């Protein structure tokens, strides 16, 4: 059952990520806004889920599945390498935004989730 929950959740997350990417493709820009938005919102939402202390089945579906399919570390690293080559300012902005704001979003999410629990 765990595999089914994770698989269904991952499919939902991947479709959400694809939709956001398609939206931003209409407005091309060298800075990877879509991936940044996806990973930061994913960090916040995963923090909320962790703070809520939901049961294992719910976490498999929503945390491991949806958030795992939604967020994307591999895309972010490829974009970082590309930005390093073409625009160092965007590279540093993206790197710092992803990690500093991502950690902050996770921390805020944990606090929000815990307060809702």
PDB file of N, CA and C in Angstrom:
ATOM      1  N   UNK A   1       0.817  -1.200   0.000  1.00  0.00           N
ATOM      2  CA  UNK A   1       0.000   0.000   0.000  1.00  0.00           C
ATOM      3  C   UNK A   1       0.857   1.258   0.000  1.00  0.00           C
ATOM      4  N   UNK A   2       1.992   1.211   0.688  1.00  0.00           N
ATOM      5  CA  UNK A   2       2.869   2.385   0.753  1.00  0.00           C
ATOM      6  C   UNK A   2       3.334   2.798  -0.636  1.00  0.00           C
ATOM      7  N   UNK A   3       3.687   1.839  -1.475  1.00  0.00           N
ATOM      8  CA  UNK A   3       4.152   2.152  -2.825  1.00  0.00           C
ATOM      9  C   UNK A   3       3.064   2.843  -3.634  1.00  0.00           C
ATOM     10  N   UNK A   4       1.840   2.416  -3.465  1.00  0.00           N
ATOM     11  CA  UNK A   4       0.716   3.022  -4.191  1.00  0.00           C
ATOM     12  C   UNK A   4       0.511   4.466  -3.733  1.00  0.00           C
ATOM     13  N   UNK A   5       0.545   4.689  -2.417  1.00  0.00           N
ATOM     14  CA  UNK A   5       0.381   6.042  -1.896  1.00  0.00           C
ATOM     15  C   UNK A   5       1.477   6.974  -2.411  1.00  0.00           C
ATOM     16  N   UNK A   6       2.714   6.519  -2.364  1.00  0.00           N
ATOM     17  CA  UNK A   6       3.833   7.337  -2.839  1.00  0.00           C
ATOM     18  C   UNK A   6       3.708   7.580  -4.345  1.00  0.00           C
ATOM     19  N   UNK A   7       3.368   6.553  -5.095  1.00  0.00           N
ATOM     20  CA  UNK A   7       3.244   6.682  -6.553  1.00  0.00           C
ATOM     21  C   UNK A   7       2.138   7.628  -6.966  1.00  0.00           C
ATOM     22  N   UNK A   8       0.978   7.502  -6.342  1.00  0.00           N
ATOM     23  CA  UNK A   8      -0.141   8.405  -6.648  1.00  0.00           C
ATOM     24  C   UNK A   8       0.233   9.837  -6.274  1.00  0.00           C
ATOM     25  N   UNK A   9       0.823  10.006  -5.101  1.00  0.00           N
ATOM     26  CA  UNK A   9       1.240  11.336  -4.672  1.00  0.00           C
ATOM     27  C   UNK A   9       2.276  11.935  -5.600  1.00  0.00           C
ATOM     28  N   UNK A  10       3.251  11.133  -6.005  1.00  0.00           N
ATOM     29  CA  UNK A  10       4.302  11.622  -6.905  1.00  0.00           C
ATOM     30  C   UNK A  10       3.717  12.059  -8.242  1.00  0.00           C
ATOM     31  N   UNK A  11       2.739  11.316  -8.735  1.00  0.00           N
ATOM     32  CA  UNK A  11       2.093  11.693  -9.995  1.00  0.00           C
ATOM     33  C   UNK A  11       1.398  13.046  -9.853  1.00  0.00           C
ATOM     34  N   UNK A  12       0.711  13.247  -8.749  1.00  0.00           N
ATOM     35  CA  UNK A  12       0.038  14.531  -8.505  1.00  0.00           C
ATOM     36  C   UNK A  12       1.071  15.662  -8.432  1.00  0.00           C
ATOM     37  N   UNK A  13       2.139  15.441  -7.685  1.00  0.00           N
ATOM     38  CA  UNK A  13       3.181  16.457  -7.553  1.00  0.00           C
ATOM     39  C   UNK A  13       3.844  16.789  -8.877  1.00  0.00           C
ATOM     40  N   UNK A  14       4.114  15.783  -9.681  1.00  0.00           N
ATOM     41  CA  UNK A  14       4.754  16.005 -10.977  1.00  0.00           C
ATOM     42  C   UNK A  14       3.848  16.802 -11.908  1.00  0.00           C
ATOM     43  N   UNK A  15       2.562  16.528 -11.884  1.00  0.00           N
ATOM     44  CA  UNK A  15       1.611  17.271 -12.716  1.00  0.00           C
ATOM     45  C   UNK A  15       1.540  18.735 -12.261  1.00  0.00           C
ATOM     46  N   UNK A  16       1.544  18.954 -10.949  1.00  0.00           N
ATOM     47  CA  UNK A  16       1.558  20.328 -10.435  1.00  0.00           C
ATOM     48  C   UNK A  16       2.825  21.063 -10.892  1.00  0.00           C
ATOM     49  N   UNK A  17       3.968  20.399 -10.767  1.00  0.00           N
ATOM     50  CA  UNK A  17       5.232  21.006 -11.188  1.00  0.00           C
ATOM     51  C   UNK A  17       5.217  21.314 -12.674  1.00  0.00           C
ATOM     52  N   UNK A  18       4.711  20.399 -13.472  1.00  0.00           N
ATOM     53  CA  UNK A  18       4.641  20.598 -14.916  1.00  0.00           C
ATOM     54  C   UNK A  18       3.771  21.812 -15.250  1.00  0.00           C
ATOM     55  N   UNK A  19       2.648  21.941 -14.570  1.00  0.00           N
ATOM     56  CA  UNK A  19       1.760  23.081 -14.819  1.00  0.00           C
ATOM     57  C   UNK A  19       2.421  24.414 -14.495  1.00  0.00           C
ATOM     58  N   UNK A  20       3.132  24.467 -13.403  1.00  0.00           N
ATOM     59  CA  UNK A  20       3.830  25.708 -13.035  1.00  0.00           C
ATOM     60  C   UNK A  20       4.941  26.006 -14.036  1.00  0.00           C
ATOM     61  N   UNK A  21       5.677  24.989 -14.438  1.00  0.00           N
ATOM     62  CA  UNK A  21       6.716  25.198 -15.452  1.00  0.00           C
ATOM     63  C   UNK A  21       6.133  25.716 -16.757  1.00  0.00           C
ATOM     64  N   UNK A  22       5.022  25.160 -17.190  1.00  0.00           N
ATOM     65  CA  UNK A  22       4.366  25.599 -18.433  1.00  0.00           C
ATOM     66  C   UNK A  22       3.929  27.060 -18.323  1.00  0.00           C
ATOM     67  N   UNK A  23       3.413  27.444 -17.164  1.00  0.00           N
ATOM     68  CA  UNK A  23       2.996  28.826 -16.961  1.00  0.00           C
ATOM     69  C   UNK A  23       4.181  29.776 -17.140  1.00  0.00           C
ATOM     70  N   UNK A  24       5.318  29.451 -16.552  1.00  0.00           N
ATOM     71  CA  UNK A  24       6.486  30.321 -16.627  1.00  0.00           C
ATOM     72  C   UNK A  24       7.180  30.262 -17.982  1.00  0.00           C
ATOM     73  N   UNK A  25       6.989  29.179 -18.741  1.00  0.00           N
ATOM     74  CA  UNK A  25       7.576  29.091 -20.081  1.00  0.00           C
ATOM     75  C   UNK A  25       7.002  30.145 -21.006  1.00  0.00           C
ATOM     76  N   UNK A  26       5.812  30.632 -20.705  1.00  0.00           N
ATOM     77  CA  UNK A  26       5.181  31.669 -21.523  1.00  0.00           C
ATOM     78  C   UNK A  26       5.884  33.006 -21.364  1.00  0.00           C
ATOM     79  N   UNK A  27       6.672  33.129 -20.319  1.00  0.00           N
ATOM     80  CA  UNK A  27       7.421  34.347 -20.015  1.00  0.00           C
ATOM     81  C   UNK A  27       8.899  33.988 -19.854  1.00  0.00           C
ATOM     82  N   UNK A  28       9.584  33.669 -20.952  1.00  0.00           N
ATOM     83  CA  UNK A  28      10.961  33.189 -20.838  1.00  0.00           C
ATOM     84  C   UNK A  28      11.900  34.219 -20.189  1.00  0.00           C
ATOM     85  N   UNK A  29      12.779  33.713 -19.367  1.00  0.00           N
ATOM     86  CA  UNK A  29      13.762  34.539 -18.665  1.00  0.00           C
ATOM     87  C   UNK A  29      14.899  33.623 -18.244  1.00  0.00           C
ATOM     88  N   UNK A  30      16.140  34.122 -18.242  1.00  0.00           N
ATOM     89  CA  UNK A  30      17.254  33.245 -17.865  1.00  0.00           C
ATOM     90  C   UNK A  30      17.234  32.818 -16.392  1.00  0.00           C
ATOM     91  N   UNK A  31      16.556  33.570 -15.542  1.00  0.00           N
ATOM     92  CA  UNK A  31      16.482  33.191 -14.130  1.00  0.00           C
ATOM     93  C   UNK A  31      15.377  32.150 -13.958  1.00  0.00           C
ATOM     94  N   UNK A  32      15.684  31.011 -13.335  1.00  0.00           N
ATOM     95  CA  UNK A  32      14.712  29.904 -13.219  1.00  0.00           C
ATOM     96  C   UNK A  32      13.656  30.141 -12.140  1.00  0.00           C
ATOM     97  N   UNK A  33      12.732  31.050 -12.422  1.00  0.00           N
ATOM     98  CA  UNK A  33      11.696  31.418 -11.451  1.00  0.00           C
ATOM     99  C   UNK A  33      10.789  30.247 -11.097  1.00  0.00           C
ATOM    100  N   UNK A  34      10.453  29.433 -12.080  1.00  0.00           N
ATOM    101  CA  UNK A  34       9.523  28.320 -11.826  1.00  0.00           C
ATOM    102  C   UNK A  34      10.107  27.329 -10.819  1.00  0.00           C
ATOM    103  N   UNK A  35      11.336  26.912 -11.037  1.00  0.00           N
ATOM    104  CA  UNK A  35      11.943  25.942 -10.126  1.00  0.00           C
ATOM    105  C   UNK A  35      12.125  26.539  -8.737  1.00  0.00           C
ATOM    106  N   UNK A  36      12.504  27.802  -8.668  1.00  0.00           N
ATOM    107  CA  UNK A  36      12.658  28.457  -7.366  1.00  0.00           C
ATOM    108  C   UNK A  36      11.324  28.482  -6.631  1.00  0.00           C
ATOM    109  N   UNK A  37      10.256  28.894  -7.316  1.00  0.00           N
ATOM    110  CA  UNK A  37       8.925  28.922  -6.698  1.00  0.00           C
ATOM    111  C   UNK A  37       8.505  27.527  -6.240  1.00  0.00           C
ATOM    112  N   UNK A  38       8.715  26.549  -7.081  1.00  0.00           N
ATOM    113  CA  UNK A  38       8.342  25.172  -6.760  1.00  0.00           C
ATOM    114  C   UNK A  38       9.103  24.676  -5.534  1.00  0.00           C
ATOM    115  N   UNK A  39      10.418  24.843  -5.519  1.00  0.00           N
ATOM    116  CA  UNK A  39      11.208  24.321  -4.406  1.00  0.00           C
ATOM    117  C   UNK A  39      10.963  25.077  -3.105  1.00  0.00           C
ATOM    118  N   UNK A  40      10.753  26.391  -3.175  1.00  0.00           N
ATOM    119  CA  UNK A  40      10.483  27.146  -1.949  1.00  0.00           C
ATOM    120  C   UNK A  40       9.092  26.839  -1.401  1.00  0.00           C
ATOM    121  N   UNK A  41       8.102  26.775  -2.275  1.00  0.00           N
ATOM    122  CA  UNK A  41       6.757  26.430  -1.791  1.00  0.00           C
ATOM    123  C   UNK A  41       6.732  24.986  -1.294  1.00  0.00           C
ATOM    124  N   UNK A  42       7.498  24.111  -1.939  1.00  0.00           N
ATOM    125  CA  UNK A  42       7.593  22.721  -1.480  1.00  0.00           C
ATOM    126  C   UNK A  42       8.235  22.621  -0.113  1.00  0.00           C
ATOM    127  N   UNK A  43       9.262  23.428   0.133  1.00  0.00           N
ATOM    128  CA  UNK A  43       9.920  23.437   1.446  1.00  0.00           C
ATOM    129  C   UNK A  43       8.935  23.905   2.521  1.00  0.00           C
ATOM    130  N   UNK A  44       8.179  24.941   2.215  1.00  0.00           N
ATOM    131  CA  UNK A  44       7.182  25.446   3.165  1.00  0.00           C
ATOM    132  C   UNK A  44       6.108  24.395   3.439  1.00  0.00           C
ATOM    133  N   UNK A  45       5.560  23.818   2.384  1.00  0.00           N
ATOM    134  CA  UNK A  45       4.486  22.829   2.548  1.00  0.00           C
ATOM    135  C   UNK A  45       4.971  21.562   3.259  1.00  0.00           C
ATOM    136  N   UNK A  46       6.163  21.112   2.941  1.00  0.00           N
ATOM    137  CA  UNK A  46       6.698  19.929   3.617  1.00  0.00           C
ATOM    138  C   UNK A  46       6.945  20.229   5.089  1.00  0.00           C
ATOM    139  N   UNK A  47       7.401  21.448   5.377  1.00  0.00           N
ATOM    140  CA  UNK A  47       7.551  21.864   6.768  1.00  0.00           C
ATOM    141  C   UNK A  47       6.228  21.841   7.511  1.00  0.00           C
ATOM    142  N   UNK A  48       5.178  22.327   6.855  1.00  0.00           N
ATOM    143  CA  UNK A  48       3.845  22.303   7.472  1.00  0.00           C
ATOM    144  C   UNK A  48       3.415  20.868   7.740  1.00  0.00           C
ATOM    145  N   UNK A  49       3.592  19.996   6.755  1.00  0.00           N
ATOM    146  CA  UNK A  49       3.219  18.589   6.946  1.00  0.00           C
ATOM    147  C   UNK A  49       3.984  17.966   8.105  1.00  0.00           C
ATOM    148  N   UNK A  50       5.273  18.242   8.188  1.00  0.00           N
ATOM    149  CA  UNK A  50       6.079  17.692   9.287  1.00  0.00           C
ATOM    150  C   UNK A  50       5.617  18.260  10.623  1.00  0.00           C
ATOM    151  N   UNK A  51       5.300  19.545  10.653  1.00  0.00           N
ATOM    152  CA  UNK A  51       4.838  20.168  11.882  1.00  0.00           C
ATOM    153  C   UNK A  51       3.480  19.659  12.333  1.00  0.00           C
ATOM    154  N   UNK A  52       2.646  19.291  11.377  1.00  0.00           N
ATOM    155  CA  UNK A  52       1.317  18.756  11.709  1.00  0.00           C
ATOM    156  C   UNK A  52       1.396  17.369  12.336  1.00  0.00           C
ATOM    157  N   UNK A  53       2.496  16.699  12.112  1.00  0.00           N
ATOM    158  CA  UNK A  53       2.684  15.340  12.610  1.00  0.00           C
ATOM    159  C   UNK A  53       1.538  14.421  12.186  1.00  0.00           C
ATOM    160  N   UNK A  54       1.271  14.430  10.876  1.00  0.00           N
ATOM    161  CA  UNK A  54       0.212  13.590  10.327  1.00  0.00           C
ATOM    162  C   UNK A  54       0.634  12.124  10.399  1.00  0.00           C
ATOM    163  N   UNK A  55      -0.334  11.233  10.236  1.00  0.00           N
ATOM    164  CA  UNK A  55       0.005   9.808  10.340  1.00  0.00           C
ATOM    165  C   UNK A  55       0.843   9.358   9.144  1.00  0.00           C
ATOM    166  N   UNK A  56       1.429   8.185   9.282  1.00  0.00           N
ATOM    167  CA  UNK A  56       2.386   7.684   8.298  1.00  0.00           C
ATOM    168  C   UNK A  56       1.779   7.564   6.899  1.00  0.00           C
ATOM    169  N   UNK A  57       0.550   7.087   6.796  1.00  0.00           N
ATOM    170  CA  UNK A  57      -0.100   6.932   5.491  1.00  0.00           C
ATOM    171  C   UNK A  57      -0.267   8.288   4.800  1.00  0.00           C
ATOM    172  N   UNK A  58      -0.720   9.280   5.557  1.00  0.00           N
ATOM    173  CA  UNK A  58      -0.896  10.625   4.993  1.00  0.00           C
ATOM    174  C   UNK A  58       0.452  11.208   4.574  1.00  0.00           C
ATOM    175  N   UNK A  59       1.478  10.972   5.399  1.00  0.00           N
ATOM    176  CA  UNK A  59       2.797  11.509   5.068  1.00  0.00           C
ATOM    177  C   UNK A  59       3.366  10.837   3.817  1.00  0.00           C
ATOM    178  N   UNK A  60       3.145   9.533   3.669  1.00  0.00           N
ATOM    179  CA  UNK A  60       3.608   8.851   2.460  1.00  0.00           C
ATOM    180  C   UNK A  60       2.964   9.460   1.218  1.00  0.00           C
ATOM    181  N   UNK A  61       1.668   9.719   1.267  1.00  0.00           N
ATOM    182  CA  UNK A  61       0.962  10.301   0.125  1.00  0.00           C
ATOM    183  C   UNK A  61       1.393  11.741  -0.116  1.00  0.00           C
ATOM    184  N   UNK A  62       1.299  12.568   0.926  1.00  0.00           N
ATOM    185  CA  UNK A  62       1.517  14.008   0.753  1.00  0.00           C
ATOM    186  C   UNK A  62       2.978  14.427   0.832  1.00  0.00           C
ATOM    187  N   UNK A  63       3.699  13.931   1.824  1.00  0.00           N
ATOM    188  CA  UNK A  63       5.090  14.335   2.010  1.00  0.00           C
ATOM    189  C   UNK A  63       6.029  13.678   1.020  1.00  0.00           C
ATOM    190  N   UNK A  64       6.125  12.358   1.103  1.00  0.00           N
ATOM    191  CA  UNK A  64       7.028  11.629   0.215  1.00  0.00           C
ATOM    192  C   UNK A  64       6.537  11.671  -1.225  1.00  0.00           C
ATOM    193  N   UNK A  65       5.246  11.445  -1.419  1.00  0.00           N
ATOM    194  CA  UNK A  65       4.691  11.391  -2.770  1.00  0.00           C
ATOM    195  C   UNK A  65       4.535  12.746  -3.437  1.00  0.00           C
ATOM    196  N   UNK A  66       3.559  13.521  -2.987  1.00  0.00           N
ATOM    197  CA  UNK A  66       3.266  14.798  -3.653  1.00  0.00           C
ATOM    198  C   UNK A  66       4.466  15.740  -3.607  1.00  0.00           C
ATOM    199  N   UNK A  67       5.017  15.958  -2.434  1.00  0.00           N
ATOM    200  CA  UNK A  67       6.136  16.899  -2.339  1.00  0.00           C
ATOM    201  C   UNK A  67       7.385  16.364  -3.028  1.00  0.00           C
ATOM    202  N   UNK A  68       7.581  15.040  -3.000  1.00  0.00           N
ATOM    203  CA  UNK A  68       8.712  14.451  -3.716  1.00  0.00           C
ATOM    204  C   UNK A  68       8.579  14.598  -5.223  1.00  0.00           C
ATOM    205  N   UNK A  69       7.365  14.441  -5.739  1.00  0.00           N
ATOM    206  CA  UNK A  69       7.133  14.611  -7.171  1.00  0.00           C
ATOM    207  C   UNK A  69       7.087  16.068  -7.593  1.00  0.00           C
ATOM    208  N   UNK A  70       6.738  16.932  -6.661  1.00  0.00           N
ATOM    209  CA  UNK A  70       6.583  18.365  -6.943  1.00  0.00           C
ATOM    210  C   UNK A  70       7.928  19.088  -6.954  1.00  0.00           C
ATOM    211  N   UNK A  71       8.734  18.878  -5.933  1.00  0.00           N
ATOM    212  CA  UNK A  71      10.018  19.584  -5.852  1.00  0.00           C
ATOM    213  C   UNK A  71      11.067  18.864  -6.692  1.00  0.00           C
ATOM    214  N   UNK A  72      12.140  19.568  -7.009  1.00  0.00           N
ATOM    215  CA  UNK A  72      13.118  18.973  -7.896  1.00  0.00           C
ATOM    216  C   UNK A  72      14.529  19.482  -7.643  1.00  0.00           C
ATOM    217  N   UNK A  73      15.312  18.682  -6.990  1.00  0.00           N
ATOM    218  CA  UNK A  73      16.701  19.026  -6.712  1.00  0.00           C
ATOM    219  C   UNK A  73      17.555  18.922  -7.977  1.00  0.00           C
ATOM    220  N   UNK A  74      17.311  17.907  -8.788  1.00  0.00           N
ATOM    221  CA  UNK A  74      18.138  17.693  -9.977  1.00  0.00           C
ATOM    222  C   UNK A  74      17.993  18.842 -10.976  1.00  0.00           C
ATOM    223  N   UNK A  75      16.778  19.313 -11.193  1.00  0.00           N
ATOM    224  CA  UNK A  75      16.584  20.440 -12.106  1.00  0.00           C
ATOM    225  C   UNK A  75      17.293  21.677 -11.572  1.00  0.00           C
ATOM    226  N   UNK A  76      17.184  21.899 -10.267  1.00  0.00           N
ATOM    227  CA  UNK A  76      17.827  23.053  -9.661  1.00  0.00           C
ATOM    228  C   UNK A  76      19.346  23.012  -9.875  1.00  0.00           C
ATOM    229  N   UNK A  77      19.964  21.856  -9.703  1.00  0.00           N
ATOM    230  CA  UNK A  77      21.417  21.790  -9.848  1.00  0.00           C
ATOM    231  C   UNK A  77      21.852  22.018 -11.296  1.00  0.00           C
ATOM    232  N   UNK A  78      21.113  21.501 -12.250  1.00  0.00           N
ATOM    233  CA  UNK A  78      21.429  21.740 -13.661  1.00  0.00           C
ATOM    234  C   UNK A  78      21.279  23.222 -13.975  1.00  0.00           C
ATOM    235  N   UNK A  79      20.225  23.848 -13.454  1.00  0.00           N
ATOM    236  CA  UNK A  79      20.028  25.280 -13.683  1.00  0.00           C
ATOM    237  C   UNK A  79      21.145  26.096 -13.039  1.00  0.00           C
ATOM    238  N   UNK A  80      21.604  25.670 -11.870  1.00  0.00           N
ATOM    239  CA  UNK A  80      22.718  26.368 -11.224  1.00  0.00           C
ATOM    240  C   UNK A  80      23.988  26.290 -12.087  1.00  0.00           C
ATOM    241  N   UNK A  81      24.288  25.124 -12.606  1.00  0.00           N
ATOM    242  CA  UNK A  81      25.467  24.971 -13.464  1.00  0.00           C
ATOM    243  C   UNK A  81      25.342  25.863 -14.698  1.00  0.00           C
ATOM    244  N   UNK A  82      24.174  25.876 -15.301  1.00  0.00           N
ATOM    245  CA  UNK A  82      23.938  26.704 -16.482  1.00  0.00           C
ATOM    246  C   UNK A  82      24.092  28.189 -16.155  1.00  0.00           C
ATOM    247  N   UNK A  83      23.509  28.608 -15.037  1.00  0.00           N
ATOM    248  CA  UNK A  83      23.626  30.012 -14.643  1.00  0.00           C
ATOM    249  C   UNK A  83      25.068  30.389 -14.331  1.00  0.00           C
ATOM    250  N   UNK A  84      25.816  29.477 -13.755  1.00  0.00           N
ATOM    251  CA  UNK A  84      27.219  29.748 -13.453  1.00  0.00           C
ATOM    252  C   UNK A  84      27.981  30.079 -14.741  1.00  0.00           C
ATOM    253  N   UNK A  85      27.616  29.407 -15.793  1.00  0.00           N
ATOM    254  CA  UNK A  85      28.286  29.623 -17.081  1.00  0.00           C
ATOM    255  C   UNK A  85      27.837  30.909 -17.767  1.00  0.00           C
ATOM    256  N   UNK A  86      26.555  31.272 -17.647  1.00  0.00           N
ATOM    257  CA  UNK A  86      26.043  32.395 -18.443  1.00  0.00           C
ATOM    258  C   UNK A  86      25.811  33.684 -17.659  1.00  0.00           C
ATOM    259  N   UNK A  87      25.567  33.588 -16.362  1.00  0.00           N
ATOM    260  CA  UNK A  87      25.259  34.795 -15.607  1.00  0.00           C
ATOM    261  C   UNK A  87      25.554  34.562 -14.133  1.00  0.00           C
ATOM    262  N   UNK A  88      26.714  34.951 -13.708  1.00  0.00           N
ATOM    263  CA  UNK A  88      27.137  34.682 -12.324  1.00  0.00           C
ATOM    264  C   UNK A  88      26.232  35.381 -11.314  1.00  0.00           C
ATOM    265  N   UNK A  89      25.727  36.550 -11.625  1.00  0.00           N
ATOM    266  CA  UNK A  89      24.846  37.251 -10.691  1.00  0.00           C
ATOM    267  C   UNK A  89      23.581  36.431 -10.427  1.00  0.00           C
ATOM    268  N   UNK A  90      22.987  35.910 -11.489  1.00  0.00           N
ATOM    269  CA  UNK A  90      21.803  35.057 -11.330  1.00  0.00           C
ATOM    270  C   UNK A  90      22.157  33.766 -10.601  1.00  0.00           C
ATOM    271  N   UNK A  91      23.346  33.241 -10.875  1.00  0.00           N
ATOM    272  CA  UNK A  91      23.792  32.033 -10.183  1.00  0.00           C
ATOM    273  C   UNK A  91      23.780  32.256  -8.679  1.00  0.00           C
ATOM    274  N   UNK A  92      24.424  33.309  -8.204  1.00  0.00           N
ATOM    275  CA  UNK A  92      24.503  33.573  -6.760  1.00  0.00           C
ATOM    276  C   UNK A  92      23.131  33.892  -6.176  1.00  0.00           C
ATOM    277  N   UNK A  93      22.331  34.643  -6.913  1.00  0.00           N
ATOM    278  CA  UNK A  93      20.979  34.965  -6.450  1.00  0.00           C
ATOM    279  C   UNK A  93      20.139  33.696  -6.291  1.00  0.00           C
ATOM    280  N   UNK A  94      20.205  32.825  -7.272  1.00  0.00           N
ATOM    281  CA  UNK A  94      19.439  31.573  -7.243  1.00  0.00           C
ATOM    282  C   UNK A  94      19.941  30.650  -6.132  1.00  0.00           C
ATOM    283  N   UNK A  95      21.239  30.523  -6.007  1.00  0.00           N
ATOM    284  CA  UNK A  95      21.832  29.668  -4.987  1.00  0.00           C
ATOM    285  C   UNK A  95      21.422  30.126  -3.589  1.00  0.00           C
ATOM    286  N   UNK A  96      21.614  31.394  -3.295  1.00  0.00           N
ATOM    287  CA  UNK A  96      21.290  31.928  -1.972  1.00  0.00           C
ATOM    288  C   UNK A  96      19.783  31.884  -1.730  1.00  0.00           C
ATOM    289  N   UNK A  97      19.004  32.261  -2.736  1.00  0.00           N
ATOM    290  CA  UNK A  97      17.550  32.229  -2.578  1.00  0.00           C
ATOM    291  C   UNK A  97      17.058  30.822  -2.276  1.00  0.00           C
ATOM    292  N   UNK A  98      17.564  29.861  -3.003  1.00  0.00           N
ATOM    293  CA  UNK A  98      17.123  28.481  -2.815  1.00  0.00           C
ATOM    294  C   UNK A  98      17.444  27.975  -1.422  1.00  0.00           C
ATOM    295  N   UNK A  99      18.672  28.156  -0.978  1.00  0.00           N
ATOM    296  CA  UNK A  99      19.068  27.574   0.301  1.00  0.00           C
ATOM    297  C   UNK A  99      18.658  28.408   1.504  1.00  0.00           C
ATOM    298  N   UNK A 100      18.885  29.702   1.473  1.00  0.00           N
ATOM    299  CA  UNK A 100      18.544  30.534   2.632  1.00  0.00           C
ATOM    300  C   UNK A 100      17.030  30.665   2.767  1.00  0.00           C
ATOM    301  N   UNK A 101      16.360  31.017   1.692  1.00  0.00           N
ATOM    302  CA  UNK A 101      14.906  31.169   1.756  1.00  0.00           C
ATOM    303  C   UNK A 101      14.246  29.804   1.924  1.00  0.00           C
ATOM    304  N   UNK A 102      14.811  28.764   1.312  1.00  0.00           N
ATOM    305  CA  UNK A 102      14.260  27.411   1.465  1.00  0.00           C
ATOM    306  C   UNK A 102      14.317  26.928   2.903  1.00  0.00           C
ATOM    307  N   UNK A 103      15.446  27.129   3.561  1.00  0.00           N
ATOM    308  CA  UNK A 103      15.549  26.755   4.974  1.00  0.00           C
ATOM    309  C   UNK A 103      14.595  27.577   5.835  1.00  0.00           C
ATOM    310  N   UNK A 104      14.484  28.857   5.533  1.00  0.00           N
ATOM    311  CA  UNK A 104      13.560  29.720   6.267  1.00  0.00           C
ATOM    312  C   UNK A 104      12.121  29.261   6.060  1.00  0.00           C
ATOM    313  N   UNK A 105      11.771  28.938   4.818  1.00  0.00           N
ATOM    314  CA  UNK A 105      10.412  28.462   4.527  1.00  0.00           C
ATOM    315  C   UNK A 105      10.119  27.156   5.258  1.00  0.00           C
ATOM    316  N   UNK A 106      11.080  26.262   5.302  1.00  0.00           N
ATOM    317  CA  UNK A 106      10.885  25.002   6.029  1.00  0.00           C
ATOM    318  C   UNK A 106      10.660  25.253   7.513  1.00  0.00           C
ATOM    319  N   UNK A 107      11.458  26.135   8.080  1.00  0.00           N
ATOM    320  CA  UNK A 107      11.320  26.473   9.499  1.00  0.00           C
ATOM    321  C   UNK A 107       9.959  27.102   9.777  1.00  0.00           C
ATOM    322  N   UNK A 108       9.544  28.031   8.934  1.00  0.00           N
ATOM    323  CA  UNK A 108       8.217  28.669   9.090  1.00  0.00           C
ATOM    324  C   UNK A 108       7.126  27.614   8.965  1.00  0.00           C
ATOM    325  N   UNK A 109       7.281  26.725   7.976  1.00  0.00           N
ATOM    326  CA  UNK A 109       6.298  25.649   7.789  1.00  0.00           C
ATOM    327  C   UNK A 109       6.185  24.764   9.019  1.00  0.00           C
ATOM    328  N   UNK A 110       7.310  24.406   9.612  1.00  0.00           N
ATOM    329  CA  UNK A 110       7.285  23.601  10.830  1.00  0.00           C
ATOM    330  C   UNK A 110       6.532  24.319  11.947  1.00  0.00           C
ATOM    331  N   UNK A 111       6.789  25.608  12.085  1.00  0.00           N
ATOM    332  CA  UNK A 111       6.102  26.385  13.138  1.00  0.00           C
ATOM    333  C   UNK A 111       4.601  26.486  12.853  1.00  0.00           C
ATOM    334  N   UNK A 112       4.246  26.719  11.602  1.00  0.00           N
ATOM    335  CA  UNK A 112       2.827  26.800  11.240  1.00  0.00           C
ATOM    336  C   UNK A 112       2.149  25.460  11.484  1.00  0.00           C
ATOM    337  N   UNK A 113       2.767  24.396  10.997  1.00  0.00           N
ATOM    338  CA  UNK A 113       2.196  23.054  11.190  1.00  0.00           C
ATOM    339  C   UNK A 113       2.034  22.696  12.646  1.00  0.00           C
ATOM    340  N   UNK A 114       3.042  23.006  13.451  1.00  0.00           N
ATOM    341  CA  UNK A 114       2.972  22.701  14.879  1.00  0.00           C
ATOM    342  C   UNK A 114       1.879  23.508  15.562  1.00  0.00           C
ATOM    343  N   UNK A 115       1.691  24.763  15.110  1.00  0.00           N
ATOM    344  CA  UNK A 115       0.650  25.583  15.732  1.00  0.00           C
ATOM    345  C   UNK A 115      -0.746  25.122  15.326  1.00  0.00           C
ATOM    346  N   UNK A 116      -0.870  24.491  14.175  1.00  0.00           N
ATOM    347  CA  UNK A 116      -2.160  23.966  13.716  1.00  0.00           C
ATOM    348  C   UNK A 116      -2.467  22.602  14.334  1.00  0.00           C
ATOM    349  N   UNK A 117      -1.446  21.963  14.851  1.00  0.00           N
ATOM    350  CA  UNK A 117      -1.589  20.604  15.382  1.00  0.00           C
ATOM    351  C   UNK A 117      -2.331  20.583  16.694  1.00  0.00           C
TER     352      UNK A 117
END
